[in-house]
């Protein structure tokens, strides 16, 4: 009885893993990497996140995944202005 119960639990776990993976993959977009290391962000995701030419993205590695995050354009503008202020001497670097 114990062996049958254990087998049923194993089968249930395997079935749940398969279903979960199948559901997960149905929500994911798949793309390939080019010979130059470039990837295409699918149109649906670009539209949903308002990513267009010139948008700034940051990338990070987490175990076997690559995370891509869109950076707020206003934050990028403020950073660039701050660098220009430093270069021009309007703001001094504080140690």
N, C-alpha and C. Protein backbone atom coordinates (compact mmCIF):
# COMPACT_ATOMS: atom_id res chain seq x y z
N UNK A 1 0.82 -1.19 0.00
CA UNK A 1 0.00 0.00 0.00
C UNK A 1 0.87 1.26 0.00
N UNK A 2 1.94 1.25 0.77
CA UNK A 2 2.85 2.37 0.86
C UNK A 2 3.52 2.66 -0.48
N UNK A 3 3.90 1.62 -1.20
CA UNK A 3 4.55 1.78 -2.51
C UNK A 3 3.58 2.40 -3.50
N UNK A 4 2.34 1.95 -3.52
CA UNK A 4 1.34 2.50 -4.44
C UNK A 4 1.09 3.96 -4.12
N UNK A 5 0.96 4.29 -2.82
CA UNK A 5 0.73 5.67 -2.41
C UNK A 5 1.90 6.55 -2.83
N UNK A 6 3.11 6.08 -2.59
CA UNK A 6 4.32 6.83 -2.96
C UNK A 6 4.37 7.05 -4.47
N UNK A 7 4.03 6.03 -5.24
CA UNK A 7 4.03 6.13 -6.69
C UNK A 7 2.99 7.14 -7.16
N UNK A 8 1.83 7.15 -6.52
CA UNK A 8 0.78 8.11 -6.89
C UNK A 8 1.23 9.53 -6.62
N UNK A 9 1.89 9.73 -5.49
CA UNK A 9 2.39 11.07 -5.17
C UNK A 9 3.43 11.50 -6.20
N UNK A 10 4.35 10.59 -6.53
CA UNK A 10 5.38 10.89 -7.53
C UNK A 10 4.73 11.26 -8.86
N UNK A 11 3.74 10.49 -9.27
CA UNK A 11 3.04 10.75 -10.53
C UNK A 11 2.34 12.09 -10.47
N UNK A 12 1.73 12.41 -9.33
CA UNK A 12 1.05 13.68 -9.16
C UNK A 12 2.04 14.84 -9.26
N UNK A 13 3.19 14.71 -8.61
CA UNK A 13 4.22 15.76 -8.66
C UNK A 13 4.73 15.93 -10.08
N UNK A 14 5.01 14.83 -10.76
CA UNK A 14 5.48 14.90 -12.15
C UNK A 14 4.42 15.54 -13.04
N UNK A 15 3.16 15.18 -12.84
CA UNK A 15 2.07 15.75 -13.63
C UNK A 15 1.96 17.25 -13.36
N UNK A 16 2.03 17.65 -12.08
CA UNK A 16 1.96 19.07 -11.75
C UNK A 16 3.13 19.83 -12.35
N UNK A 17 4.33 19.25 -12.33
CA UNK A 17 5.49 19.90 -12.92
C UNK A 17 5.29 20.09 -14.41
N UNK A 18 4.75 19.07 -15.09
CA UNK A 18 4.53 19.16 -16.53
C UNK A 18 3.50 20.22 -16.85
N UNK A 19 2.39 20.20 -16.09
CA UNK A 19 1.33 21.18 -16.34
C UNK A 19 1.84 22.58 -16.05
N UNK A 20 2.55 22.75 -14.93
CA UNK A 20 3.07 24.07 -14.59
C UNK A 20 4.04 24.56 -15.66
N UNK A 21 4.91 23.67 -16.13
CA UNK A 21 5.87 24.06 -17.17
C UNK A 21 5.15 24.40 -18.46
N UNK A 22 4.14 23.61 -18.80
CA UNK A 22 3.37 23.87 -20.02
C UNK A 22 2.66 25.22 -19.92
N UNK A 23 2.07 25.50 -18.76
CA UNK A 23 1.39 26.78 -18.56
C UNK A 23 2.40 27.91 -18.60
N UNK A 24 3.54 27.74 -17.92
CA UNK A 24 4.58 28.76 -17.91
C UNK A 24 5.06 29.07 -19.32
N UNK A 25 5.33 28.03 -20.10
CA UNK A 25 5.82 28.24 -21.46
C UNK A 25 4.77 28.91 -22.34
N UNK A 26 3.49 28.72 -22.04
CA UNK A 26 2.45 29.35 -22.85
C UNK A 26 2.44 30.86 -22.63
N UNK A 27 2.98 31.34 -21.50
CA UNK A 27 3.05 32.78 -21.23
C UNK A 27 4.37 33.39 -21.68
N UNK A 28 5.35 32.58 -22.00
CA UNK A 28 6.68 33.08 -22.34
C UNK A 28 6.80 33.31 -23.84
N UNK A 29 7.64 34.27 -24.19
CA UNK A 29 7.98 34.52 -25.58
C UNK A 29 9.33 33.88 -25.85
N UNK A 30 9.49 33.31 -27.02
CA UNK A 30 10.74 32.64 -27.37
C UNK A 30 11.42 33.41 -28.49
N UNK A 31 12.73 33.59 -28.35
CA UNK A 31 13.51 34.29 -29.37
C UNK A 31 14.86 33.59 -29.49
N UNK A 32 15.57 33.85 -30.56
CA UNK A 32 16.89 33.27 -30.78
C UNK A 32 17.93 34.36 -30.73
N UNK A 33 19.16 33.96 -30.48
CA UNK A 33 20.27 34.90 -30.46
C UNK A 33 20.98 34.84 -31.82
N UNK A 34 21.38 36.00 -32.32
CA UNK A 34 22.06 36.05 -33.63
C UNK A 34 23.53 35.72 -33.47
N UNK A 35 24.22 35.61 -34.60
CA UNK A 35 25.66 35.33 -34.56
C UNK A 35 26.44 36.48 -33.93
N UNK A 36 25.83 37.68 -33.90
CA UNK A 36 26.47 38.84 -33.27
C UNK A 36 26.09 38.99 -31.80
N UNK A 37 25.33 38.04 -31.26
CA UNK A 37 24.92 38.11 -29.86
C UNK A 37 23.69 38.96 -29.62
N UNK A 38 22.99 39.31 -30.70
CA UNK A 38 21.80 40.15 -30.56
C UNK A 38 20.55 39.30 -30.37
N UNK A 39 19.59 39.87 -29.61
CA UNK A 39 18.30 39.21 -29.47
C UNK A 39 17.20 40.18 -29.91
N UNK A 40 16.08 39.63 -30.30
CA UNK A 40 14.93 40.45 -30.66
C UNK A 40 13.93 40.35 -29.51
N UNK A 41 13.52 41.51 -28.99
CA UNK A 41 12.47 41.52 -27.98
C UNK A 41 11.16 41.48 -28.75
N UNK A 42 10.33 40.47 -28.51
CA UNK A 42 9.09 40.34 -29.27
C UNK A 42 8.23 41.61 -29.20
N UNK A 43 7.57 41.90 -30.31
CA UNK A 43 6.74 43.10 -30.46
C UNK A 43 5.73 43.25 -29.33
N UNK A 44 5.10 42.15 -28.95
CA UNK A 44 4.09 42.20 -27.89
C UNK A 44 4.68 42.75 -26.59
N UNK A 45 5.88 42.29 -26.24
CA UNK A 45 6.53 42.77 -25.01
C UNK A 45 6.98 44.22 -25.16
N UNK A 46 7.50 44.58 -26.34
CA UNK A 46 7.91 45.97 -26.57
C UNK A 46 6.73 46.91 -26.43
N UNK A 47 5.59 46.51 -26.98
CA UNK A 47 4.39 47.35 -26.88
C UNK A 47 3.92 47.47 -25.43
N UNK A 48 3.87 46.35 -24.72
CA UNK A 48 3.39 46.36 -23.34
C UNK A 48 4.26 47.21 -22.43
N UNK A 49 5.58 47.22 -22.68
CA UNK A 49 6.51 47.96 -21.83
C UNK A 49 6.92 49.30 -22.43
N UNK A 50 6.32 49.65 -23.57
CA UNK A 50 6.64 50.90 -24.28
C UNK A 50 8.14 51.02 -24.53
N UNK A 51 8.72 49.94 -25.04
CA UNK A 51 10.14 49.93 -25.40
C UNK A 51 10.24 50.27 -26.88
N UNK A 52 10.99 51.33 -27.16
CA UNK A 52 11.17 51.73 -28.55
C UNK A 52 12.64 52.00 -28.81
N UNK A 53 12.97 52.32 -30.04
CA UNK A 53 14.36 52.59 -30.38
C UNK A 53 14.91 53.68 -29.46
N UNK A 54 16.06 53.42 -28.87
CA UNK A 54 16.68 54.39 -27.97
C UNK A 54 16.34 54.16 -26.50
N UNK A 55 15.37 53.29 -26.22
CA UNK A 55 15.05 52.98 -24.81
C UNK A 55 16.28 52.36 -24.16
N UNK A 56 16.47 52.66 -22.88
CA UNK A 56 17.63 52.15 -22.15
C UNK A 56 17.18 50.95 -21.31
N UNK A 57 17.92 49.85 -21.46
CA UNK A 57 17.63 48.62 -20.73
C UNK A 57 18.87 48.21 -19.97
N UNK A 58 18.68 47.61 -18.80
CA UNK A 58 19.81 47.04 -18.06
C UNK A 58 19.63 45.53 -18.04
N UNK A 59 20.74 44.84 -18.01
CA UNK A 59 20.71 43.38 -18.01
C UNK A 59 21.49 42.87 -16.83
N UNK A 60 21.03 41.74 -16.28
CA UNK A 60 21.73 41.10 -15.18
C UNK A 60 21.55 39.60 -15.30
N UNK A 61 22.48 38.87 -14.74
CA UNK A 61 22.43 37.41 -14.78
C UNK A 61 22.00 36.92 -13.41
N UNK A 62 21.09 35.95 -13.40
CA UNK A 62 20.63 35.34 -12.16
C UNK A 62 20.57 33.85 -12.40
N UNK A 63 21.57 33.12 -11.85
CA UNK A 63 21.72 31.68 -12.08
C UNK A 63 21.79 31.42 -13.58
N UNK A 64 20.77 30.75 -14.16
CA UNK A 64 20.80 30.45 -15.60
C UNK A 64 19.85 31.33 -16.38
N UNK A 65 19.52 32.51 -15.83
CA UNK A 65 18.59 33.42 -16.49
C UNK A 65 19.25 34.77 -16.77
N UNK A 66 18.76 35.45 -17.77
CA UNK A 66 19.16 36.83 -18.04
C UNK A 66 17.93 37.69 -17.80
N UNK A 67 18.08 38.67 -16.92
CA UNK A 67 16.98 39.58 -16.63
C UNK A 67 17.23 40.88 -17.38
N UNK A 68 16.19 41.40 -18.02
CA UNK A 68 16.28 42.66 -18.73
C UNK A 68 15.25 43.60 -18.12
N UNK A 69 15.67 44.81 -17.74
CA UNK A 69 14.77 45.77 -17.13
C UNK A 69 14.85 47.09 -17.86
N UNK A 70 13.70 47.65 -18.18
CA UNK A 70 13.64 48.97 -18.81
C UNK A 70 13.92 50.02 -17.74
N UNK A 71 14.76 50.99 -18.08
CA UNK A 71 15.09 52.07 -17.16
C UNK A 71 14.22 53.27 -17.49
N UNK A 72 13.73 53.92 -16.45
CA UNK A 72 12.90 55.12 -16.62
C UNK A 72 13.69 56.17 -17.39
N UNK A 73 13.14 56.67 -18.48
CA UNK A 73 13.84 57.63 -19.34
C UNK A 73 14.15 58.93 -18.60
N UNK A 74 13.28 59.34 -17.68
CA UNK A 74 13.51 60.55 -16.91
C UNK A 74 14.74 60.38 -16.01
N UNK A 75 14.91 59.19 -15.45
CA UNK A 75 16.07 58.90 -14.61
C UNK A 75 17.36 58.96 -15.43
N UNK A 76 17.31 58.43 -16.67
CA UNK A 76 18.48 58.48 -17.56
C UNK A 76 18.82 59.93 -17.89
N UNK A 77 17.78 60.73 -18.17
CA UNK A 77 18.00 62.16 -18.49
C UNK A 77 18.64 62.88 -17.31
N UNK A 78 18.15 62.64 -16.10
CA UNK A 78 18.71 63.27 -14.91
C UNK A 78 20.16 62.85 -14.69
N UNK A 79 20.46 61.59 -14.93
CA UNK A 79 21.83 61.10 -14.78
C UNK A 79 22.76 61.79 -15.78
N UNK A 80 22.32 61.88 -17.04
CA UNK A 80 23.13 62.54 -18.06
C UNK A 80 23.36 64.01 -17.73
N UNK A 81 22.31 64.69 -17.26
CA UNK A 81 22.44 66.10 -16.88
C UNK A 81 23.42 66.25 -15.72
N UNK A 82 23.37 65.33 -14.76
CA UNK A 82 24.29 65.36 -13.63
C UNK A 82 25.74 65.20 -14.08
N UNK A 83 25.96 64.29 -15.05
CA UNK A 83 27.31 64.11 -15.58
C UNK A 83 27.79 65.37 -16.29
N UNK A 84 26.91 65.99 -17.06
CA UNK A 84 27.27 67.22 -17.76
C UNK A 84 27.61 68.33 -16.76
N UNK A 85 26.83 68.41 -15.68
CA UNK A 85 27.11 69.41 -14.64
C UNK A 85 28.48 69.17 -14.01
N UNK A 86 28.82 67.91 -13.79
CA UNK A 86 30.15 67.60 -13.24
C UNK A 86 31.25 67.99 -14.20
N UNK A 87 31.06 67.64 -15.49
CA UNK A 87 32.08 67.94 -16.50
C UNK A 87 32.29 69.44 -16.68
N UNK A 88 31.19 70.18 -16.63
CA UNK A 88 31.29 71.61 -16.89
C UNK A 88 31.73 72.39 -15.65
N UNK A 89 31.75 71.77 -14.49
CA UNK A 89 32.19 72.43 -13.28
C UNK A 89 31.05 73.09 -12.52
N UNK A 90 29.81 72.97 -13.00
CA UNK A 90 28.68 73.56 -12.29
C UNK A 90 28.49 72.88 -10.92
N UNK A 91 28.85 71.60 -10.87
CA UNK A 91 28.78 70.84 -9.62
C UNK A 91 30.16 70.24 -9.40
N UNK A 92 30.66 70.35 -8.16
CA UNK A 92 31.95 69.78 -7.84
C UNK A 92 31.77 68.41 -7.23
N UNK A 93 32.69 67.55 -7.55
CA UNK A 93 32.70 66.20 -6.98
C UNK A 93 33.10 66.31 -5.52
N UNK A 94 32.31 65.67 -4.67
CA UNK A 94 32.61 65.67 -3.24
C UNK A 94 33.20 64.32 -2.88
N UNK A 95 34.34 64.32 -2.18
CA UNK A 95 35.03 63.08 -1.84
C UNK A 95 34.25 62.28 -0.93
